[in-house]
Amino acid sequence: MNQEVTDLIQSIKEPLQGDLATSLREVVHQAIPDINERIQYKKPHFLNNGKYAAVISTSKEAVSFTIFNASTLELPEGMFDGPPERKTLKLRKGDTFDFEQLVSWVGQASMG
């Protein structure tokens, strides 16, 4: 794991957002064990074989998790936003997500 990414996640002021970002980072690492991570545009980006696999970003009221190469995924209606190749899940206070399902989707997308 990249220390810059760890530091950035630990610097998130809202504890709930920090916890969500930590969990989402774990999703990516479980889905793609040899993932590379780096900070780009002040956000954690995850690269698989040099291609974007996922990105975590925070705003005032949400944590967004974008899965790249998502056009082959069968995702629930209304859960994700964005064009077919790049799907974003927005998590707000009180939202939860299915950890194993997200691991599965990220893994599937990384093979595409």
N, C-alpha and C. Protein backbone atom coordinates (compact mmCIF):
# COMPACT_ATOMS: atom_id res chain seq x y z
N MET A 1 0.84 -1.19 0.00
CA MET A 1 0.00 0.00 0.00
C MET A 1 0.88 1.25 0.00
N ASN A 2 0.43 2.24 -0.71
CA ASN A 2 1.16 3.49 -0.88
C ASN A 2 0.94 4.40 0.34
N GLN A 3 2.04 4.85 0.94
CA GLN A 3 1.95 5.69 2.15
C GLN A 3 1.23 7.00 1.88
N GLU A 4 1.41 7.58 0.69
CA GLU A 4 0.71 8.83 0.35
C GLU A 4 -0.80 8.63 0.38
N VAL A 5 -1.25 7.48 -0.12
CA VAL A 5 -2.69 7.18 -0.12
C VAL A 5 -3.17 7.01 1.32
N THR A 6 -2.39 6.29 2.12
CA THR A 6 -2.73 6.11 3.54
C THR A 6 -2.84 7.46 4.24
N ASP A 7 -1.86 8.33 4.02
CA ASP A 7 -1.86 9.65 4.65
C ASP A 7 -3.07 10.47 4.21
N LEU A 8 -3.39 10.43 2.92
CA LEU A 8 -4.54 11.20 2.41
C LEU A 8 -5.84 10.71 3.06
N ILE A 9 -6.03 9.40 3.12
CA ILE A 9 -7.24 8.85 3.71
C ILE A 9 -7.31 9.21 5.19
N GLN A 10 -6.17 9.14 5.88
CA GLN A 10 -6.16 9.48 7.30
C GLN A 10 -6.41 10.97 7.54
N SER A 11 -6.18 11.79 6.54
CA SER A 11 -6.38 13.24 6.70
C SER A 11 -7.82 13.68 6.45
N ILE A 12 -8.69 12.76 6.03
CA ILE A 12 -10.09 13.10 5.79
C ILE A 12 -10.72 13.51 7.13
N LYS A 13 -11.29 14.71 7.17
CA LYS A 13 -11.77 15.27 8.43
C LYS A 13 -12.99 14.54 8.99
N GLU A 14 -13.91 14.19 8.14
CA GLU A 14 -15.14 13.52 8.58
C GLU A 14 -14.83 12.04 8.84
N PRO A 15 -14.92 11.56 10.11
CA PRO A 15 -14.54 10.18 10.42
C PRO A 15 -15.27 9.13 9.59
N LEU A 16 -16.57 9.33 9.38
CA LEU A 16 -17.34 8.37 8.60
C LEU A 16 -16.79 8.25 7.18
N GLN A 17 -16.42 9.40 6.58
CA GLN A 17 -15.87 9.37 5.23
C GLN A 17 -14.52 8.66 5.21
N GLY A 18 -13.72 8.89 6.24
CA GLY A 18 -12.44 8.20 6.34
C GLY A 18 -12.62 6.69 6.43
N ASP A 19 -13.61 6.27 7.23
CA ASP A 19 -13.90 4.84 7.35
C ASP A 19 -14.37 4.25 6.03
N LEU A 20 -15.26 4.98 5.34
CA LEU A 20 -15.73 4.51 4.03
C LEU A 20 -14.57 4.40 3.04
N ALA A 21 -13.72 5.42 2.99
CA ALA A 21 -12.58 5.41 2.07
C ALA A 21 -11.65 4.24 2.38
N THR A 22 -11.42 3.97 3.67
CA THR A 22 -10.57 2.84 4.07
C THR A 22 -11.19 1.52 3.60
N SER A 23 -12.50 1.38 3.79
CA SER A 23 -13.19 0.16 3.36
C SER A 23 -13.15 -0.01 1.84
N LEU A 24 -13.36 1.10 1.12
CA LEU A 24 -13.33 1.03 -0.35
C LEU A 24 -11.93 0.69 -0.86
N ARG A 25 -10.93 1.20 -0.19
CA ARG A 25 -9.55 0.87 -0.55
C ARG A 25 -9.32 -0.64 -0.36
N GLU A 26 -9.84 -1.17 0.73
CA GLU A 26 -9.73 -2.61 1.00
C GLU A 26 -10.45 -3.43 -0.06
N VAL A 27 -11.60 -2.93 -0.53
CA VAL A 27 -12.34 -3.59 -1.63
C VAL A 27 -11.40 -3.77 -2.84
N VAL A 28 -10.74 -2.68 -3.22
CA VAL A 28 -9.87 -2.72 -4.40
C VAL A 28 -8.72 -3.71 -4.19
N HIS A 29 -8.11 -3.69 -3.01
CA HIS A 29 -6.99 -4.59 -2.75
C HIS A 29 -7.42 -6.05 -2.71
N GLN A 30 -8.62 -6.33 -2.25
CA GLN A 30 -9.11 -7.71 -2.27
C GLN A 30 -9.44 -8.15 -3.69
N ALA A 31 -10.00 -7.24 -4.47
CA ALA A 31 -10.40 -7.58 -5.84
C ALA A 31 -9.19 -7.76 -6.75
N ILE A 32 -8.16 -6.92 -6.56
CA ILE A 32 -6.98 -6.91 -7.43
C ILE A 32 -5.74 -6.86 -6.52
N PRO A 33 -5.27 -8.02 -6.06
CA PRO A 33 -4.18 -8.05 -5.07
C PRO A 33 -2.92 -7.29 -5.47
N ASP A 34 -2.57 -7.25 -6.74
CA ASP A 34 -1.33 -6.57 -7.15
C ASP A 34 -1.59 -5.17 -7.70
N ILE A 35 -2.65 -4.53 -7.22
CA ILE A 35 -3.02 -3.18 -7.67
C ILE A 35 -1.94 -2.17 -7.30
N ASN A 36 -1.75 -1.18 -8.14
CA ASN A 36 -0.88 -0.06 -7.82
C ASN A 36 -1.77 1.11 -7.45
N GLU A 37 -1.35 1.86 -6.44
CA GLU A 37 -2.14 3.02 -6.04
C GLU A 37 -1.25 4.25 -6.01
N ARG A 38 -1.88 5.38 -6.31
CA ARG A 38 -1.15 6.65 -6.26
C ARG A 38 -2.15 7.78 -6.08
N ILE A 39 -1.62 8.93 -5.65
CA ILE A 39 -2.44 10.12 -5.54
C ILE A 39 -2.36 10.87 -6.86
N GLN A 40 -3.52 11.19 -7.40
CA GLN A 40 -3.59 11.97 -8.62
C GLN A 40 -4.80 12.89 -8.48
N TYR A 41 -4.66 14.16 -8.79
CA TYR A 41 -5.75 15.13 -8.61
C TYR A 41 -6.26 15.12 -7.16
N LYS A 42 -5.36 14.90 -6.21
CA LYS A 42 -5.67 14.87 -4.78
C LYS A 42 -6.67 13.78 -4.41
N LYS A 43 -6.69 12.69 -5.17
CA LYS A 43 -7.57 11.56 -4.90
C LYS A 43 -6.78 10.26 -5.04
N PRO A 44 -7.13 9.23 -4.26
CA PRO A 44 -6.51 7.92 -4.45
C PRO A 44 -6.99 7.29 -5.77
N HIS A 45 -6.04 6.96 -6.62
CA HIS A 45 -6.32 6.26 -7.88
C HIS A 45 -5.68 4.88 -7.81
N PHE A 46 -6.37 3.90 -8.38
CA PHE A 46 -5.89 2.53 -8.36
C PHE A 46 -5.70 2.07 -9.79
N LEU A 47 -4.49 1.59 -10.09
CA LEU A 47 -4.16 1.19 -11.46
C LEU A 47 -3.81 -0.29 -11.51
N ASN A 48 -4.36 -0.95 -12.52
CA ASN A 48 -4.11 -2.35 -12.77
C ASN A 48 -3.45 -2.46 -14.14
N ASN A 49 -2.21 -2.92 -14.18
CA ASN A 49 -1.46 -3.00 -15.44
C ASN A 49 -1.44 -1.67 -16.17
N GLY A 50 -1.29 -0.58 -15.40
CA GLY A 50 -1.17 0.75 -15.98
C GLY A 50 -2.48 1.40 -16.38
N LYS A 51 -3.60 0.70 -16.21
CA LYS A 51 -4.91 1.26 -16.56
C LYS A 51 -5.69 1.54 -15.29
N TYR A 52 -6.48 2.61 -15.31
CA TYR A 52 -7.30 2.93 -14.15
C TYR A 52 -8.27 1.80 -13.86
N ALA A 53 -8.35 1.43 -12.58
CA ALA A 53 -9.31 0.41 -12.15
C ALA A 53 -10.39 1.05 -11.27
N ALA A 54 -9.96 2.00 -10.41
CA ALA A 54 -10.91 2.64 -9.50
C ALA A 54 -10.33 3.94 -8.96
N VAL A 55 -11.22 4.78 -8.44
CA VAL A 55 -10.80 6.01 -7.79
C VAL A 55 -11.78 6.31 -6.65
N ILE A 56 -11.24 6.85 -5.56
CA ILE A 56 -12.05 7.26 -4.43
C ILE A 56 -11.97 8.78 -4.34
N SER A 57 -13.12 9.43 -4.17
CA SER A 57 -13.09 10.88 -3.98
C SER A 57 -14.12 11.25 -2.92
N THR A 58 -13.85 12.35 -2.24
CA THR A 58 -14.78 12.80 -1.21
C THR A 58 -15.27 14.20 -1.54
N SER A 59 -16.49 14.48 -1.14
CA SER A 59 -17.05 15.82 -1.23
C SER A 59 -17.60 16.14 0.15
N LYS A 60 -18.26 17.27 0.29
CA LYS A 60 -18.77 17.65 1.61
C LYS A 60 -19.68 16.59 2.21
N GLU A 61 -20.55 16.01 1.40
CA GLU A 61 -21.53 15.09 1.97
C GLU A 61 -21.46 13.66 1.48
N ALA A 62 -20.44 13.32 0.68
CA ALA A 62 -20.41 11.96 0.14
C ALA A 62 -18.98 11.47 -0.12
N VAL A 63 -18.90 10.15 -0.22
CA VAL A 63 -17.68 9.51 -0.71
C VAL A 63 -18.08 8.83 -2.01
N SER A 64 -17.35 9.12 -3.08
CA SER A 64 -17.64 8.52 -4.37
C SER A 64 -16.59 7.47 -4.69
N PHE A 65 -17.06 6.39 -5.27
CA PHE A 65 -16.19 5.28 -5.66
C PHE A 65 -16.48 4.97 -7.11
N THR A 66 -15.50 5.19 -7.98
CA THR A 66 -15.69 4.97 -9.41
C THR A 66 -14.96 3.71 -9.83
N ILE A 67 -15.68 2.85 -10.55
CA ILE A 67 -15.12 1.63 -11.14
C ILE A 67 -14.95 1.90 -12.63
N PHE A 68 -13.74 1.70 -13.13
CA PHE A 68 -13.47 1.88 -14.56
C PHE A 68 -13.67 0.55 -15.29
N ASN A 69 -13.77 0.60 -16.62
CA ASN A 69 -13.98 -0.58 -17.46
C ASN A 69 -15.23 -1.34 -17.01
N ALA A 70 -16.28 -0.59 -16.69
CA ALA A 70 -17.47 -1.18 -16.08
C ALA A 70 -18.56 -1.57 -17.09
N SER A 71 -18.32 -1.41 -18.39
CA SER A 71 -19.40 -1.60 -19.37
C SER A 71 -19.93 -3.03 -19.41
N THR A 72 -19.17 -4.03 -18.96
CA THR A 72 -19.67 -5.41 -18.99
C THR A 72 -20.35 -5.83 -17.68
N LEU A 73 -20.32 -4.96 -16.68
CA LEU A 73 -20.89 -5.31 -15.38
C LEU A 73 -22.41 -5.21 -15.41
N GLU A 74 -23.06 -6.13 -14.71
CA GLU A 74 -24.50 -6.06 -14.53
C GLU A 74 -24.74 -5.44 -13.16
N LEU A 75 -25.03 -4.14 -13.17
CA LEU A 75 -25.17 -3.38 -11.93
C LEU A 75 -26.64 -3.08 -11.66
N PRO A 76 -27.02 -3.00 -10.38
CA PRO A 76 -28.42 -2.69 -10.05
C PRO A 76 -28.82 -1.31 -10.58
N GLU A 77 -30.03 -1.23 -11.08
CA GLU A 77 -30.57 0.02 -11.59
C GLU A 77 -30.57 1.09 -10.51
N GLY A 78 -30.07 2.28 -10.83
CA GLY A 78 -30.14 3.40 -9.91
C GLY A 78 -29.07 3.45 -8.83
N MET A 79 -28.23 2.44 -8.76
CA MET A 79 -27.21 2.41 -7.71
C MET A 79 -25.97 3.21 -8.11
N PHE A 80 -25.63 3.16 -9.40
CA PHE A 80 -24.43 3.81 -9.92
C PHE A 80 -24.81 4.89 -10.93
N ASP A 81 -23.96 5.92 -11.04
CA ASP A 81 -24.13 6.97 -12.03
C ASP A 81 -22.97 6.89 -13.01
N GLY A 82 -23.14 7.55 -14.16
CA GLY A 82 -22.04 7.69 -15.10
C GLY A 82 -22.22 6.88 -16.36
N PRO A 83 -21.31 7.11 -17.32
CA PRO A 83 -21.37 6.40 -18.59
C PRO A 83 -21.05 4.92 -18.39
N PRO A 84 -21.39 4.06 -19.37
CA PRO A 84 -21.22 2.62 -19.20
C PRO A 84 -19.80 2.19 -18.80
N GLU A 85 -18.80 2.87 -19.32
CA GLU A 85 -17.42 2.44 -19.05
C GLU A 85 -16.88 2.91 -17.70
N ARG A 86 -17.63 3.79 -17.03
CA ARG A 86 -17.12 4.36 -15.77
C ARG A 86 -18.30 4.62 -14.84
N LYS A 87 -18.48 3.74 -13.87
CA LYS A 87 -19.64 3.82 -12.99
C LYS A 87 -19.24 4.30 -11.60
N THR A 88 -20.01 5.24 -11.05
CA THR A 88 -19.71 5.83 -9.75
C THR A 88 -20.82 5.55 -8.75
N LEU A 89 -20.40 5.07 -7.59
CA LEU A 89 -21.28 4.84 -6.46
C LEU A 89 -21.06 5.97 -5.47
N LYS A 90 -22.13 6.68 -5.11
CA LYS A 90 -22.02 7.76 -4.12
C LYS A 90 -22.56 7.27 -2.79
N LEU A 91 -21.73 7.34 -1.76
CA LEU A 91 -22.13 6.92 -0.43
C LEU A 91 -22.24 8.14 0.48
N ARG A 92 -23.41 8.30 1.07
CA ARG A 92 -23.64 9.40 2.00
C ARG A 92 -23.81 8.85 3.40
N LYS A 93 -23.87 9.74 4.36
CA LYS A 93 -24.01 9.34 5.76
C LYS A 93 -25.17 8.36 5.92
N GLY A 94 -24.91 7.26 6.57
CA GLY A 94 -25.95 6.25 6.78
C GLY A 94 -26.02 5.20 5.69
N ASP A 95 -25.39 5.44 4.54
CA ASP A 95 -25.38 4.46 3.45
C ASP A 95 -24.42 3.32 3.80
N THR A 96 -24.75 2.15 3.33
CA THR A 96 -23.86 1.01 3.46
C THR A 96 -23.69 0.40 2.07
N PHE A 97 -22.73 -0.50 1.95
CA PHE A 97 -22.57 -1.19 0.68
C PHE A 97 -22.21 -2.64 0.97
N ASP A 98 -22.47 -3.49 0.00
CA ASP A 98 -22.16 -4.91 0.11
C ASP A 98 -20.69 -5.10 -0.28
N PHE A 99 -19.85 -5.28 0.73
CA PHE A 99 -18.39 -5.35 0.53
C PHE A 99 -18.04 -6.43 -0.50
N GLU A 100 -18.54 -7.64 -0.29
CA GLU A 100 -18.19 -8.76 -1.19
C GLU A 100 -18.68 -8.51 -2.61
N GLN A 101 -19.87 -7.92 -2.75
CA GLN A 101 -20.40 -7.63 -4.10
C GLN A 101 -19.52 -6.60 -4.81
N LEU A 102 -19.09 -5.60 -4.08
CA LEU A 102 -18.23 -4.57 -4.67
C LEU A 102 -16.87 -5.18 -5.07
N VAL A 103 -16.33 -6.04 -4.23
CA VAL A 103 -15.09 -6.75 -4.57
C VAL A 103 -15.28 -7.52 -5.88
N SER A 104 -16.40 -8.19 -6.01
CA SER A 104 -16.70 -8.96 -7.21
C SER A 104 -16.76 -8.07 -8.45
N TRP A 105 -17.48 -6.94 -8.35
CA TRP A 105 -17.60 -6.03 -9.50
C TRP A 105 -16.24 -5.45 -9.90
N VAL A 106 -15.45 -5.02 -8.92
CA VAL A 106 -14.13 -4.45 -9.24
C VAL A 106 -13.25 -5.52 -9.89
N GLY A 107 -13.32 -6.73 -9.37
CA GLY A 107 -12.55 -7.83 -9.96
C GLY A 107 -12.96 -8.13 -11.39
N GLN A 108 -14.27 -8.18 -11.62
CA GLN A 108 -14.78 -8.43 -12.98
C GLN A 108 -14.35 -7.31 -13.93
N ALA A 109 -14.47 -6.07 -13.49
CA ALA A 109 -14.12 -4.94 -14.35
C ALA A 109 -12.63 -4.95 -14.69
N SER A 110 -11.80 -5.40 -13.75
CA SER A 110 -10.35 -5.39 -13.97
C SER A 110 -9.94 -6.42 -15.02
N MET A 111 -10.79 -7.39 -15.28
CA MET A 111 -10.46 -8.41 -16.28
C MET A 111 -10.90 -7.99 -17.68
N GLY A 112 -11.71 -6.93 -17.74
CA GLY A 112 -12.29 -6.51 -19.02
C GLY A 112 -11.33 -5.85 -19.95
